[in-house]
Full PDB file with SEQRES, HELIX, SHEET, SSBOND, CRYST1, ORIGX, SCALE, CONECT and MASTER records, all heavy atoms in Angstrom:
SEQRES   1 A   44  ILE VAL VAL LEU LEU LEU GLY VAL MET TRP GLU LEU LEU          
SEQRES   2 A   44  CYS ARG ARG THR GLY SER THR LEU PRO PRO PRO SER LYS          
SEQRES   3 A   44  VAL TYR LYS ASP THR LYS GLU LEU ILE PHE ASP PRO PHE          
SEQRES   4 A   44  PHE ASP ASN GLY GLY                                          
HELIX    1 AA1 VAL A    2  CYS A   14  1                                  13    
HELIX    2 AA2 PRO A   24  PHE A   36  1                                  13    
CRYST1    1.000    1.000    1.000  90.00  90.00  90.00 P 1           1          
ORIGX1      1.000000  0.000000  0.000000        0.00000                         
ORIGX2      0.000000  1.000000  0.000000        0.00000                         
ORIGX3      0.000000  0.000000  1.000000        0.00000                         
SCALE1      1.000000  0.000000  0.000000        0.00000                         
SCALE2      0.000000  1.000000  0.000000        0.00000                         
SCALE3      0.000000  0.000000  1.000000        0.00000                         
ATOM      1  N   ILE A   1       0.833  -1.205   0.000  1.00  0.00           N  
ATOM      2  CA  ILE A   1       0.000   0.000   0.000  1.00  0.00           C  
ATOM      3  C   ILE A   1       0.866   1.252   0.000  1.00  0.00           C  
ATOM      4  O   ILE A   1       0.609   2.217  -0.741  1.00  0.00           O  
ATOM      5  CB  ILE A   1      -0.955  -0.019   1.208  1.00  0.00           C  
ATOM      6  CG1 ILE A   1      -1.964  -1.170   1.075  1.00  0.00           C  
ATOM      7  CG2 ILE A   1      -1.690   1.318   1.336  1.00  0.00           C  
ATOM      8  CD1 ILE A   1      -2.864  -1.336   2.266  1.00  0.00           C  
ATOM      9  N   VAL A   2       1.911   1.248   0.832  1.00  0.00           N  
ATOM     10  CA  VAL A   2       2.809   2.404   0.893  1.00  0.00           C  
ATOM     11  C   VAL A   2       3.504   2.620  -0.449  1.00  0.00           C  
ATOM     12  O   VAL A   2       3.601   3.749  -0.946  1.00  0.00           O  
ATOM     13  CB  VAL A   2       3.837   2.226   2.030  1.00  0.00           C  
ATOM     14  CG1 VAL A   2       4.881   3.337   1.982  1.00  0.00           C  
ATOM     15  CG2 VAL A   2       3.140   2.220   3.380  1.00  0.00           C  
ATOM     16  N   VAL A   3       3.999   1.528  -1.057  1.00  0.00           N  
ATOM     17  CA  VAL A   3       4.675   1.634  -2.361  1.00  0.00           C  
ATOM     18  C   VAL A   3       3.712   2.159  -3.416  1.00  0.00           C  
ATOM     19  O   VAL A   3       4.076   3.007  -4.249  1.00  0.00           O  
ATOM     20  CB  VAL A   3       5.258   0.263  -2.772  1.00  0.00           C  
ATOM     21  CG1 VAL A   3       5.727   0.296  -4.224  1.00  0.00           C  
ATOM     22  CG2 VAL A   3       6.408  -0.113  -1.862  1.00  0.00           C  
ATOM     23  N   LEU A   4       2.476   1.684  -3.398  1.00  0.00           N  
ATOM     24  CA  LEU A   4       1.480   2.141  -4.363  1.00  0.00           C  
ATOM     25  C   LEU A   4       1.198   3.631  -4.194  1.00  0.00           C  
ATOM     26  O   LEU A   4       1.135   4.382  -5.185  1.00  0.00           O  
ATOM     27  CB  LEU A   4       0.194   1.331  -4.197  1.00  0.00           C  
ATOM     28  CG  LEU A   4      -0.948   1.673  -5.160  1.00  0.00           C  
ATOM     29  CD1 LEU A   4      -0.512   1.424  -6.601  1.00  0.00           C  
ATOM     30  CD2 LEU A   4      -2.195   0.866  -4.825  1.00  0.00           C  
ATOM     31  N   LEU A   5       1.038   4.079  -2.951  1.00  0.00           N  
ATOM     32  CA  LEU A   5       0.781   5.495  -2.706  1.00  0.00           C  
ATOM     33  C   LEU A   5       1.965   6.363  -3.133  1.00  0.00           C  
ATOM     34  O   LEU A   5       1.791   7.428  -3.748  1.00  0.00           O  
ATOM     35  CB  LEU A   5       0.465   5.723  -1.225  1.00  0.00           C  
ATOM     36  CG  LEU A   5      -0.863   5.131  -0.715  1.00  0.00           C  
ATOM     37  CD1 LEU A   5      -0.996   5.345   0.787  1.00  0.00           C  
ATOM     38  CD2 LEU A   5      -2.048   5.762  -1.449  1.00  0.00           C  
ATOM     39  N   LEU A   6       3.187   5.899  -2.818  1.00  0.00           N  
ATOM     40  CA  LEU A   6       4.370   6.651  -3.228  1.00  0.00           C  
ATOM     41  C   LEU A   6       4.489   6.703  -4.749  1.00  0.00           C  
ATOM     42  O   LEU A   6       4.885   7.731  -5.321  1.00  0.00           O  
ATOM     43  CB  LEU A   6       5.625   6.022  -2.625  1.00  0.00           C  
ATOM     44  CG  LEU A   6       5.790   6.155  -1.105  1.00  0.00           C  
ATOM     45  CD1 LEU A   6       7.029   5.397  -0.636  1.00  0.00           C  
ATOM     46  CD2 LEU A   6       5.886   7.622  -0.702  1.00  0.00           C  
ATOM     47  N   GLY A   7       4.153   5.593  -5.420  1.00  0.00           N  
ATOM     48  CA  GLY A   7       4.188   5.578  -6.875  1.00  0.00           C  
ATOM     49  C   GLY A   7       3.201   6.549  -7.493  1.00  0.00           C  
ATOM     50  O   GLY A   7       3.516   7.241  -8.468  1.00  0.00           O  
ATOM     51  N   VAL A   8       2.003   6.622  -6.917  1.00  0.00           N  
ATOM     52  CA  VAL A   8       1.000   7.570  -7.421  1.00  0.00           C  
ATOM     53  C   VAL A   8       1.467   9.008  -7.213  1.00  0.00           C  
ATOM     54  O   VAL A   8       1.352   9.853  -8.119  1.00  0.00           O  
ATOM     55  CB  VAL A   8      -0.355   7.324  -6.729  1.00  0.00           C  
ATOM     56  CG1 VAL A   8      -1.353   8.420  -7.082  1.00  0.00           C  
ATOM     57  CG2 VAL A   8      -0.907   5.961  -7.129  1.00  0.00           C  
ATOM     58  N   MET A   9       2.010   9.289  -6.032  1.00  0.00           N  
ATOM     59  CA  MET A   9       2.523  10.638  -5.772  1.00  0.00           C  
ATOM     60  C   MET A   9       3.673  10.980  -6.711  1.00  0.00           C  
ATOM     61  O   MET A   9       3.753  12.094  -7.253  1.00  0.00           O  
ATOM     62  CB  MET A   9       2.983  10.735  -4.313  1.00  0.00           C  
ATOM     63  CG  MET A   9       1.871  10.655  -3.289  1.00  0.00           C  
ATOM     64  SD  MET A   9       2.489  10.656  -1.601  1.00  0.00           S  
ATOM     65  CE  MET A   9       3.411  12.195  -1.567  1.00  0.00           C  
ATOM     66  N   TRP A  10       4.567  10.024  -6.928  1.00  0.00           N  
ATOM     67  CA  TRP A  10       5.703  10.236  -7.840  1.00  0.00           C  
ATOM     68  C   TRP A  10       5.204  10.531  -9.255  1.00  0.00           C  
ATOM     69  O   TRP A  10       5.688  11.437  -9.925  1.00  0.00           O  
ATOM     70  CB  TRP A  10       6.578   8.988  -7.787  1.00  0.00           C  
ATOM     71  CG  TRP A  10       7.756   8.990  -8.719  1.00  0.00           C  
ATOM     72  CD1 TRP A  10       8.265  10.040  -9.426  1.00  0.00           C  
ATOM     73  CD2 TRP A  10       8.551   7.851  -9.048  1.00  0.00           C  
ATOM     74  NE1 TRP A  10       9.341   9.642 -10.172  1.00  0.00           N  
ATOM     75  CE2 TRP A  10       9.540   8.305  -9.958  1.00  0.00           C  
ATOM     76  CE3 TRP A  10       8.545   6.520  -8.659  1.00  0.00           C  
ATOM     77  CZ2 TRP A  10      10.500   7.444 -10.490  1.00  0.00           C  
ATOM     78  CZ3 TRP A  10       9.494   5.679  -9.181  1.00  0.00           C  
ATOM     79  CH2 TRP A  10      10.456   6.136 -10.089  1.00  0.00           C  
ATOM     80  N   GLU A  11       4.212   9.765  -9.697  1.00  0.00           N  
ATOM     81  CA  GLU A  11       3.663   9.965 -11.039  1.00  0.00           C  
ATOM     82  C   GLU A  11       3.037  11.347 -11.184  1.00  0.00           C  
ATOM     83  O   GLU A  11       3.258  12.056 -12.187  1.00  0.00           O  
ATOM     84  CB  GLU A  11       2.625   8.873 -11.332  1.00  0.00           C  
ATOM     85  CG  GLU A  11       2.015   8.927 -12.713  1.00  0.00           C  
ATOM     86  CD  GLU A  11       2.943   8.429 -13.793  1.00  0.00           C  
ATOM     87  OE1 GLU A  11       3.831   7.612 -13.480  1.00  0.00           O  
ATOM     88  OE2 GLU A  11       2.782   8.863 -14.950  1.00  0.00           O  
ATOM     89  N   LEU A  12       2.270  11.758 -10.181  1.00  0.00           N  
ATOM     90  CA  LEU A  12       1.586  13.049 -10.266  1.00  0.00           C  
ATOM     91  C   LEU A  12       2.575  14.212 -10.207  1.00  0.00           C  
ATOM     92  O   LEU A  12       2.449  15.191 -10.962  1.00  0.00           O  
ATOM     93  CB  LEU A  12       0.566  13.160  -9.133  1.00  0.00           C  
ATOM     94  CG  LEU A  12      -0.616  12.181  -9.192  1.00  0.00           C  
ATOM     95  CD1 LEU A  12      -1.492  12.332  -7.963  1.00  0.00           C  
ATOM     96  CD2 LEU A  12      -1.425  12.393 -10.469  1.00  0.00           C  
ATOM     97  N   LEU A  13       3.573  14.112  -9.338  1.00  0.00           N  
ATOM     98  CA  LEU A  13       4.527  15.215  -9.189  1.00  0.00           C  
ATOM     99  C   LEU A  13       5.428  15.352 -10.412  1.00  0.00           C  
ATOM    100  O   LEU A  13       5.738  16.471 -10.850  1.00  0.00           O  
ATOM    101  CB  LEU A  13       5.376  14.999  -7.930  1.00  0.00           C  
ATOM    102  CG  LEU A  13       4.663  15.143  -6.594  1.00  0.00           C  
ATOM    103  CD1 LEU A  13       5.587  14.761  -5.440  1.00  0.00           C  
ATOM    104  CD2 LEU A  13       4.154  16.575  -6.403  1.00  0.00           C  
ATOM    105  N   CYS A  14       5.867  14.223 -10.957  1.00  0.00           N  
ATOM    106  CA  CYS A  14       6.828  14.282 -12.071  1.00  0.00           C  
ATOM    107  C   CYS A  14       6.168  14.460 -13.428  1.00  0.00           C  
ATOM    108  O   CYS A  14       6.865  14.625 -14.436  1.00  0.00           O  
ATOM    109  CB  CYS A  14       7.685  13.023 -12.078  1.00  0.00           C  
ATOM    110  SG  CYS A  14       8.778  12.873 -10.652  1.00  0.00           S  
ATOM    111  N   ARG A  15       4.840  14.421 -13.487  1.00  0.00           N  
ATOM    112  CA  ARG A  15       4.151  14.698 -14.736  1.00  0.00           C  
ATOM    113  C   ARG A  15       3.970  16.200 -14.966  1.00  0.00           C  
ATOM    114  O   ARG A  15       3.587  16.617 -16.068  1.00  0.00           O  
ATOM    115  CB  ARG A  15       2.781  14.015 -14.746  1.00  0.00           C  
ATOM    116  CG  ARG A  15       2.803  12.583 -15.236  1.00  0.00           C  
ATOM    117  CD  ARG A  15       1.415  12.027 -15.346  1.00  0.00           C  
ATOM    118  NE  ARG A  15       1.426  10.702 -15.947  1.00  0.00           N  
ATOM    119  CZ  ARG A  15       1.391  10.471 -17.250  1.00  0.00           C  
ATOM    120  NH1 ARG A  15       1.358  11.489 -18.092  1.00  0.00           N  
ATOM    121  NH2 ARG A  15       1.390   9.237 -17.721  1.00  0.00           N  
ATOM    122  N   ARG A  16       4.230  16.992 -13.947  1.00  0.00           N  
ATOM    123  CA  ARG A  16       4.050  18.432 -14.092  1.00  0.00           C  
ATOM    124  C   ARG A  16       5.071  19.008 -15.055  1.00  0.00           C  
ATOM    125  O   ARG A  16       6.178  18.500 -15.209  1.00  0.00           O  
ATOM    126  CB  ARG A  16       4.166  19.123 -12.730  1.00  0.00           C  
ATOM    127  CG  ARG A  16       3.094  18.701 -11.719  1.00  0.00           C  
ATOM    128  CD  ARG A  16       3.221  19.500 -10.438  1.00  0.00           C  
ATOM    129  NE  ARG A  16       4.570  19.392  -9.876  1.00  0.00           N  
ATOM    130  CZ  ARG A  16       4.978  20.092  -8.816  1.00  0.00           C  
ATOM    131  NH1 ARG A  16       4.148  20.957  -8.237  1.00  0.00           N  
ATOM    132  NH2 ARG A  16       6.201  19.936  -8.369  1.00  0.00           N  
ATOM    133  N   THR A  17       4.722  20.098 -15.659  1.00  0.00           N  
ATOM    134  CA  THR A  17       5.625  20.767 -16.601  1.00  0.00           C  
ATOM    135  C   THR A  17       6.843  21.309 -15.851  1.00  0.00           C  
ATOM    136  O   THR A  17       6.709  21.923 -14.793  1.00  0.00           O  
ATOM    137  CB  THR A  17       4.892  21.921 -17.306  1.00  0.00           C  
ATOM    138  OG1 THR A  17       3.717  21.404 -17.943  1.00  0.00           O  
ATOM    139  CG2 THR A  17       5.783  22.576 -18.349  1.00  0.00           C  
ATOM    140  N   GLY A  18       8.003  21.099 -16.407  1.00  0.00           N  
ATOM    141  CA  GLY A  18       9.237  21.581 -15.797  1.00  0.00           C  
ATOM    142  C   GLY A  18       9.894  20.600 -14.858  1.00  0.00           C  
ATOM    143  O   GLY A  18      10.963  20.888 -14.306  1.00  0.00           O  
ATOM    144  N   SER A  19       9.285  19.422 -14.674  1.00  0.00           N  
ATOM    145  CA  SER A  19       9.889  18.420 -13.791  1.00  0.00           C  
ATOM    146  C   SER A  19      11.135  17.835 -14.443  1.00  0.00           C  
ATOM    147  O   SER A  19      11.146  17.518 -15.633  1.00  0.00           O  
ATOM    148  CB  SER A  19       8.876  17.313 -13.497  1.00  0.00           C  
ATOM    149  OG  SER A  19       9.461  16.292 -12.720  1.00  0.00           O  
ATOM    150  N   THR A  20      12.198  17.698 -13.658  1.00  0.00           N  
ATOM    151  CA  THR A  20      13.466  17.169 -14.187  1.00  0.00           C  
ATOM    152  C   THR A  20      13.601  15.663 -14.000  1.00  0.00           C  
ATOM    153  O   THR A  20      14.542  15.066 -14.524  1.00  0.00           O  
ATOM    154  CB  THR A  20      14.654  17.862 -13.497  1.00  0.00           C  
ATOM    155  OG1 THR A  20      14.545  17.664 -12.074  1.00  0.00           O  
ATOM    156  CG2 THR A  20      14.657  19.358 -13.809  1.00  0.00           C  
ATOM    157  N   LEU A  21      12.708  15.055 -13.256  1.00  0.00           N  
ATOM    158  CA  LEU A  21      12.742  13.607 -13.032  1.00  0.00           C  
ATOM    159  C   LEU A  21      11.592  12.944 -13.783  1.00  0.00           C  
ATOM    160  O   LEU A  21      10.484  13.484 -13.838  1.00  0.00           O  
ATOM    161  CB  LEU A  21      12.644  13.285 -11.541  1.00  0.00           C  
ATOM    162  CG  LEU A  21      13.813  13.737 -10.668  1.00  0.00           C  
ATOM    163  CD1 LEU A  21      13.529  13.402  -9.214  1.00  0.00           C  
ATOM    164  CD2 LEU A  21      15.115  13.093 -11.126  1.00  0.00           C  
ATOM    165  N   PRO A  22      11.827  11.777 -14.367  1.00  0.00           N  
ATOM    166  CA  PRO A  22      10.769  11.079 -15.111  1.00  0.00           C  
ATOM    167  C   PRO A  22       9.782  10.399 -14.168  1.00  0.00           C  
ATOM    168  O   PRO A  22      10.170   9.909 -13.102  1.00  0.00           O  
ATOM    169  CB  PRO A  22      11.541  10.060 -15.944  1.00  0.00           C  
ATOM    170  CG  PRO A  22      12.761   9.770 -15.130  1.00  0.00           C  
ATOM    171  CD  PRO A  22      13.109  11.059 -14.441  1.00  0.00           C  
ATOM    172  N   PRO A  23       8.508  10.336 -14.539  1.00  0.00           N  
ATOM    173  CA  PRO A  23       7.532   9.589 -13.740  1.00  0.00           C  
ATOM    174  C   PRO A  23       7.733   8.089 -13.922  1.00  0.00           C  
ATOM    175  O   PRO A  23       8.439   7.650 -14.845  1.00  0.00           O  
ATOM    176  CB  PRO A  23       6.183  10.053 -14.310  1.00  0.00           C  
ATOM    177  CG  PRO A  23       6.497  10.448 -15.706  1.00  0.00           C  
ATOM    178  CD  PRO A  23       7.891  10.998 -15.693  1.00  0.00           C  
ATOM    179  N   PRO A  24       7.110   7.265 -13.092  1.00  0.00           N  
ATOM    180  CA  PRO A  24       7.280   5.806 -13.217  1.00  0.00           C  
ATOM    181  C   PRO A  24       6.897   5.266 -14.591  1.00  0.00           C  
ATOM    182  O   PRO A  24       7.546   4.345 -15.090  1.00  0.00           O  
ATOM    183  CB  PRO A  24       6.367   5.258 -12.124  1.00  0.00           C  
ATOM    184  CG  PRO A  24       6.239   6.360 -11.138  1.00  0.00           C  
ATOM    185  CD  PRO A  24       6.313   7.626 -11.912  1.00  0.00           C  
ATOM    186  N   SER A  25       5.857   5.830 -15.196  1.00  0.00           N  
ATOM    187  CA  SER A  25       5.442   5.348 -16.516  1.00  0.00           C  
ATOM    188  C   SER A  25       6.540   5.557 -17.549  1.00  0.00           C  
ATOM    189  O   SER A  25       6.796   4.688 -18.389  1.00  0.00           O  
ATOM    190  CB  SER A  25       4.164   6.068 -16.944  1.00  0.00           C  
ATOM    191  OG  SER A  25       4.349   7.481 -16.943  1.00  0.00           O  
ATOM    192  N   LYS A  26       7.233   6.701 -17.496  1.00  0.00           N  
ATOM    193  CA  LYS A  26       8.320   6.964 -18.438  1.00  0.00           C  
ATOM    194  C   LYS A  26       9.545   6.103 -18.124  1.00  0.00           C  
ATOM    195  O   LYS A  26      10.257   5.669 -19.039  1.00  0.00           O  
ATOM    196  CB  LYS A  26       8.688   8.444 -18.414  1.00  0.00           C  
ATOM    197  CG  LYS A  26       9.669   8.850 -19.515  1.00  0.00           C  
ATOM    198  CD  LYS A  26       9.922  10.336 -19.508  1.00  0.00           C  
ATOM    199  CE  LYS A  26      10.744  10.808 -20.683  1.00  0.00           C  
ATOM    200  NZ  LYS A  26      11.744   9.893 -21.197  1.00  0.00           N  
ATOM    201  N   VAL A  27       9.792   5.871 -16.841  1.00  0.00           N  
ATOM    202  CA  VAL A  27      10.919   5.005 -16.465  1.00  0.00           C  
ATOM    203  C   VAL A  27      10.719   3.611 -17.057  1.00  0.00           C  
ATOM    204  O   VAL A  27      11.647   3.016 -17.629  1.00  0.00           O  
ATOM    205  CB  VAL A  27      11.057   4.931 -14.931  1.00  0.00           C  
ATOM    206  CG1 VAL A  27      12.069   3.867 -14.539  1.00  0.00           C  
ATOM    207  CG2 VAL A  27      11.470   6.285 -14.367  1.00  0.00           C  
ATOM    208  N   TYR A  28       9.509   3.100 -16.943  1.00  0.00           N  
ATOM    209  CA  TYR A  28       9.232   1.768 -17.503  1.00  0.00           C  
ATOM    210  C   TYR A  28       9.370   1.772 -19.018  1.00  0.00           C  
ATOM    211  O   TYR A  28       9.935   0.845 -19.610  1.00  0.00           O  
ATOM    212  CB  TYR A  28       7.824   1.320 -17.106  1.00  0.00           C  
ATOM    213  CG  TYR A  28       7.398   0.035 -17.759  1.00  0.00           C  
ATOM    214  CD1 TYR A  28       7.896  -1.187 -17.316  1.00  0.00           C  
ATOM    215  CD2 TYR A  28       6.509   0.047 -18.842  1.00  0.00           C  
ATOM    216  CE1 TYR A  28       7.519  -2.373 -17.924  1.00  0.00           C  
ATOM    217  CE2 TYR A  28       6.129  -1.131 -19.452  1.00  0.00           C  
ATOM    218  CZ  TYR A  28       6.634  -2.339 -18.991  1.00  0.00           C  
ATOM    219  OH  TYR A  28       6.272  -3.505 -19.598  1.00  0.00           O  
ATOM    220  N   LYS A  29       8.867   2.800 -19.650  1.00  0.00           N  
ATOM    221  CA  LYS A  29       8.936   2.877 -21.114  1.00  0.00           C  
ATOM    222  C   LYS A  29      10.378   2.959 -21.601  1.00  0.00           C  
ATOM    223  O   LYS A  29      10.758   2.316 -22.586  1.00  0.00           O  
ATOM    224  CB  LYS A  29       8.139   4.087 -21.588  1.00  0.00           C  
ATOM    225  CG  LYS A  29       8.109   4.257 -23.101  1.00  0.00           C  
ATOM    226  CD  LYS A  29       7.297   5.477 -23.498  1.00  0.00           C  
ATOM    227  CE  LYS A  29       7.310   5.666 -25.017  1.00  0.00           C  
ATOM    228  NZ  LYS A  29       6.528   6.872 -25.425  1.00  0.00           N  
ATOM    229  N   ASP A  30      11.218   3.747 -20.896  1.00  0.00           N  
ATOM    230  CA  ASP A  30      12.598   3.938 -21.330  1.00  0.00           C  
ATOM    231  C   ASP A  30      13.484   2.727 -21.042  1.00  0.00           C  
ATOM    232  O   ASP A  30      14.489   2.516 -21.739  1.00  0.00           O  
ATOM    233  CB  ASP A  30      13.191   5.176 -20.650  1.00  0.00           C  
ATOM    234  CG  ASP A  30      12.515   6.464 -21.097  1.00  0.00           C  
ATOM    235  OD1 ASP A  30      11.854   6.447 -22.159  1.00  0.00           O  
ATOM    236  OD2 ASP A  30      12.637   7.479 -20.380  1.00  0.00           O  
ATOM    237  N   THR A  31      13.169   1.986 -19.996  1.00  0.00           N  
ATOM    238  CA  THR A  31      14.058   0.894 -19.554  1.00  0.00           C  
ATOM    239  C   THR A  31      13.452  -0.488 -19.771  1.00  0.00           C  
ATOM    240  O   THR A  31      13.937  -1.463 -19.205  1.00  0.00           O  
ATOM    241  CB  THR A  31      14.395   1.067 -18.062  1.00  0.00           C  
ATOM    242  OG1 THR A  31      13.181   0.988 -17.290  1.00  0.00           O  
ATOM    243  CG2 THR A  31      15.079   2.402 -17.804  1.00  0.00           C  
ATOM    244  N   LYS A  32      12.418  -0.572 -20.578  1.00  0.00           N  
ATOM    245  CA  LYS A  32      11.738  -1.857 -20.772  1.00  0.00           C  
ATOM    246  C   LYS A  32      12.689  -2.921 -21.303  1.00  0.00           C  
ATOM    247  O   LYS A  32      12.644  -4.083 -20.878  1.00  0.00           O  
ATOM    248  CB  LYS A  32      10.555  -1.654 -21.720  1.00  0.00           C  
ATOM    249  CG  LYS A  32       9.692  -2.877 -21.905  1.00  0.00           C  
ATOM    250  CD  LYS A  32       8.326  -2.500 -22.510  1.00  0.00           C  
ATOM    251  CE  LYS A  32       8.538  -1.713 -23.785  1.00  0.00           C  
ATOM    252  NZ  LYS A  32       7.227  -1.425 -24.456  1.00  0.00           N  
ATOM    253  N   GLU A  33      13.569  -2.544 -22.221  1.00  0.00           N  
ATOM    254  CA  GLU A  33      14.507  -3.517 -22.776  1.00  0.00           C  
ATOM    255  C   GLU A  33      15.503  -3.990 -21.722  1.00  0.00           C  
ATOM    256  O   GLU A  33      15.861  -5.173 -21.677  1.00  0.00           O  
ATOM    257  CB  GLU A  33      15.241  -2.904 -23.960  1.00  0.00           C  
ATOM    258  CG  GLU A  33      14.337  -2.586 -25.158  1.00  0.00           C  
ATOM    259  CD  GLU A  33      15.121  -2.025 -26.319  1.00  0.00           C  
ATOM    260  OE1 GLU A  33      16.360  -1.910 -26.195  1.00  0.00           O  
ATOM    261  OE2 GLU A  33      14.499  -1.690 -27.344  1.00  0.00           O  
ATOM    262  N   LEU A  34      15.949  -3.089 -20.861  1.00  0.00           N  
ATOM    263  CA  LEU A  34      16.870  -3.483 -19.794  1.00  0.00           C  
ATOM    264  C   LEU A  34      16.203  -4.397 -18.780  1.00  0.00           C  
ATOM    265  O   LEU A  34      16.834  -5.296 -18.225  1.00  0.00           O  
ATOM    266  CB  LEU A  34      17.407  -2.235 -19.084  1.00  0.00           C  
ATOM    267  CG  LEU A  34      18.405  -1.376 -19.851  1.00  0.00           C  
ATOM    268  CD1 LEU A  34      18.691  -0.095 -19.075  1.00  0.00           C  
ATOM    269  CD2 LEU A  34      19.697  -2.137 -20.099  1.00  0.00           C  
ATOM    270  N   ILE A  35      14.918  -4.184 -18.545  1.00  0.00           N  
ATOM    271  CA  ILE A  35      14.188  -4.994 -17.559  1.00  0.00           C  
ATOM    272  C   ILE A  35      13.996  -6.418 -18.072  1.00  0.00           C  
ATOM    273  O   ILE A  35      14.242  -7.391 -17.350  1.00  0.00           O  
ATOM    274  CB  ILE A  35      12.835  -4.342 -17.226  1.00  0.00           C  
ATOM    275  CG1 ILE A  35      13.044  -3.004 -16.527  1.00  0.00           C  
ATOM    276  CG2 ILE A  35      11.994  -5.271 -16.352  1.00  0.00           C  
ATOM    277  CD1 ILE A  35      11.770  -2.220 -16.303  1.00  0.00           C  
ATOM    278  N   PHE A  36      13.572  -6.544 -19.323  1.00  0.00           N  
ATOM    279  CA  PHE A  36      13.212  -7.863 -19.849  1.00  0.00           C  
ATOM    280  C   PHE A  36      14.381  -8.598 -20.498  1.00  0.00           C  
ATOM    281  O   PHE A  36      14.258  -9.784 -20.818  1.00  0.00           O  
ATOM    282  CB  PHE A  36      12.065  -7.721 -20.859  1.00  0.00           C  
ATOM    283  CG  PHE A  36      10.764  -7.305 -20.235  1.00  0.00           C  
ATOM    284  CD1 PHE A  36      10.300  -6.014 -20.378  1.00  0.00           C  
ATOM    285  CD2 PHE A  36      10.029  -8.199 -19.481  1.00  0.00           C  
ATOM    286  CE1 PHE A  36       9.106  -5.622 -19.802  1.00  0.00           C  
ATOM    287  CE2 PHE A  36       8.836  -7.825 -18.893  1.00  0.00           C  
ATOM    288  CZ  PHE A  36       8.366  -6.527 -19.044  1.00  0.00           C  
ATOM    289  N   ASP A  37      15.503  -7.907 -20.704  1.00  0.00           N  
ATOM    290  CA  ASP A  37      16.682  -8.581 -21.266  1.00  0.00           C  
ATOM    291  C   ASP A  37      17.931  -8.141 -20.501  1.00  0.00           C  
ATOM    292  O   ASP A  37      18.753  -7.386 -21.013  1.00  0.00           O  
ATOM    293  CB  ASP A  37      16.825  -8.243 -22.754  1.00  0.00           C  
ATOM    294  CG  ASP A  37      17.925  -9.068 -23.420  1.00  0.00           C  
ATOM    295  OD1 ASP A  37      18.373 -10.059 -22.811  1.00  0.00           O  
ATOM    296  OD2 ASP A  37      18.340  -8.710 -24.541  1.00  0.00           O  
ATOM    297  N   PRO A  38      18.079  -8.632 -19.249  1.00  0.00           N  
ATOM    298  CA  PRO A  38      19.239  -8.215 -18.455  1.00  0.00           C  
ATOM    299  C   PRO A  38      20.513  -8.998 -18.767  1.00  0.00           C  
ATOM    300  O   PRO A  38      21.555  -8.725 -18.176  1.00  0.00           O  
ATOM    301  CB  PRO A  38      18.781  -8.494 -17.020  1.00  0.00           C  
ATOM    302  CG  PRO A  38      17.863  -9.660 -17.155  1.00  0.00           C  
ATOM    303  CD  PRO A  38      17.177  -9.504 -18.480  1.00  0.00           C  
ATOM    304  N   PHE A  39      20.448  -9.969 -19.696  1.00  0.00           N  
ATOM    305  CA  PHE A  39      21.588 -10.850 -19.938  1.00  0.00           C  
ATOM    306  C   PHE A  39      22.330 -10.557 -21.247  1.00  0.00           C  
ATOM    307  O   PHE A  39      23.228 -11.309 -21.602  1.00  0.00           O  
ATOM    308  CB  PHE A  39      21.119 -12.310 -19.962  1.00  0.00           C  
ATOM    309  CG  PHE A  39      20.453 -12.759 -18.701  1.00  0.00           C  
ATOM    310  CD1 PHE A  39      19.072 -12.851 -18.633  1.00  0.00           C  
ATOM    311  CD2 PHE A  39      21.187 -13.078 -17.575  1.00  0.00           C  
ATOM    312  CE1 PHE A  39      18.441 -13.259 -17.474  1.00  0.00           C  
ATOM    313  CE2 PHE A  39      20.571 -13.491 -16.407  1.00  0.00           C  
ATOM    314  CZ  PHE A  39      19.198 -13.575 -16.357  1.00  0.00           C  
ATOM    315  N   PHE A  40      21.966  -9.495 -21.943  1.00  0.00           N  
ATOM    316  CA  PHE A  40      22.633  -9.242 -23.215  1.00  0.00           C  
ATOM    317  C   PHE A  40      24.078  -8.797 -22.973  1.00  0.00           C  
ATOM    318  O   PHE A  40      24.408  -8.203 -21.950  1.00  0.00           O  
ATOM    319  CB  PHE A  40      21.884  -8.178 -24.031  1.00  0.00           C  
ATOM    320  CG  PHE A  40      22.025  -6.770 -23.514  1.00  0.00           C  
ATOM    321  CD1 PHE A  40      23.087  -5.961 -23.910  1.00  0.00           C  
ATOM    322  CD2 PHE A  40      21.090  -6.235 -22.636  1.00  0.00           C  
ATOM    323  CE1 PHE A  40      23.218  -4.665 -23.443  1.00  0.00           C  
ATOM    324  CE2 PHE A  40      21.212  -4.946 -22.160  1.00  0.00           C  
ATOM    325  CZ  PHE A  40      22.282  -4.152 -22.561  1.00  0.00           C  
ATOM    326  N   ASP A  41      24.928  -9.109 -23.935  1.00  0.00           N  
ATOM    327  CA  ASP A  41      26.344  -8.760 -23.853  1.00  0.00           C  
ATOM    328  C   ASP A  41      26.835  -8.435 -25.259  1.00  0.00           C  
ATOM    329  O   ASP A  41      27.075  -9.325 -26.074  1.00  0.00           O  
ATOM    330  CB  ASP A  41      27.143  -9.916 -23.249  1.00  0.00           C  
ATOM    331  CG  ASP A  41      28.605  -9.544 -22.981  1.00  0.00           C  
ATOM    332  OD1 ASP A  41      29.018  -8.436 -23.373  1.00  0.00           O  
ATOM    333  OD2 ASP A  41      29.323 -10.370 -22.387  1.00  0.00           O  
ATOM    334  N   ASN A  42      26.975  -7.132 -25.532  1.00  0.00           N  
ATOM    335  CA  ASN A  42      27.444  -6.668 -26.831  1.00  0.00           C  
ATOM    336  C   ASN A  42      28.940  -6.383 -26.845  1.00  0.00           C  
ATOM    337  O   ASN A  42      29.444  -5.771 -27.792  1.00  0.00           O  
ATOM    338  CB  ASN A  42      26.669  -5.417 -27.255  1.00  0.00           C  
ATOM    339  CG  ASN A  42      25.185  -5.698 -27.434  1.00  0.00           C  
ATOM    340  OD1 ASN A  42      24.792  -6.811 -27.804  1.00  0.00           O  
ATOM    341  ND2 ASN A  42      24.347  -4.711 -27.153  1.00  0.00           N  
ATOM    342  N   GLY A  43      29.636  -6.824 -25.807  1.00  0.00           N  
ATOM    343  CA  GLY A  43      31.081  -6.599 -25.739  1.00  0.00           C  
ATOM    344  C   GLY A  43      31.416  -5.295 -25.050  1.00  0.00           C  
ATOM    345  O   GLY A  43      30.619  -4.353 -25.025  1.00  0.00           O  
ATOM    346  N   GLY A  44      32.574  -5.233 -24.464  1.00  0.00           N  
ATOM    347  CA  GLY A  44      33.007  -4.026 -23.771  1.00  0.00           C  
ATOM    348  C   GLY A  44      32.151  -3.759 -22.546  1.00  0.00           C  
ATOM    349  O   GLY A  44      31.881  -4.654 -21.737  1.00  0.00           O  
TER     350      GLY A  44                                                      
MASTER        0    0    0    2    0    0    0    6  349    1    0    4          
END                                                                             
């Protein structure tokens, strides 16, 4: 419940214009490939 409430607050605060931090929805969208494919190795 606490995590859910914090997530909702984070989403509402970071959706405002001028926010420098991404909301949870954008974090998921930007890092979806890293989440579902943590084992890739392209060298270096």
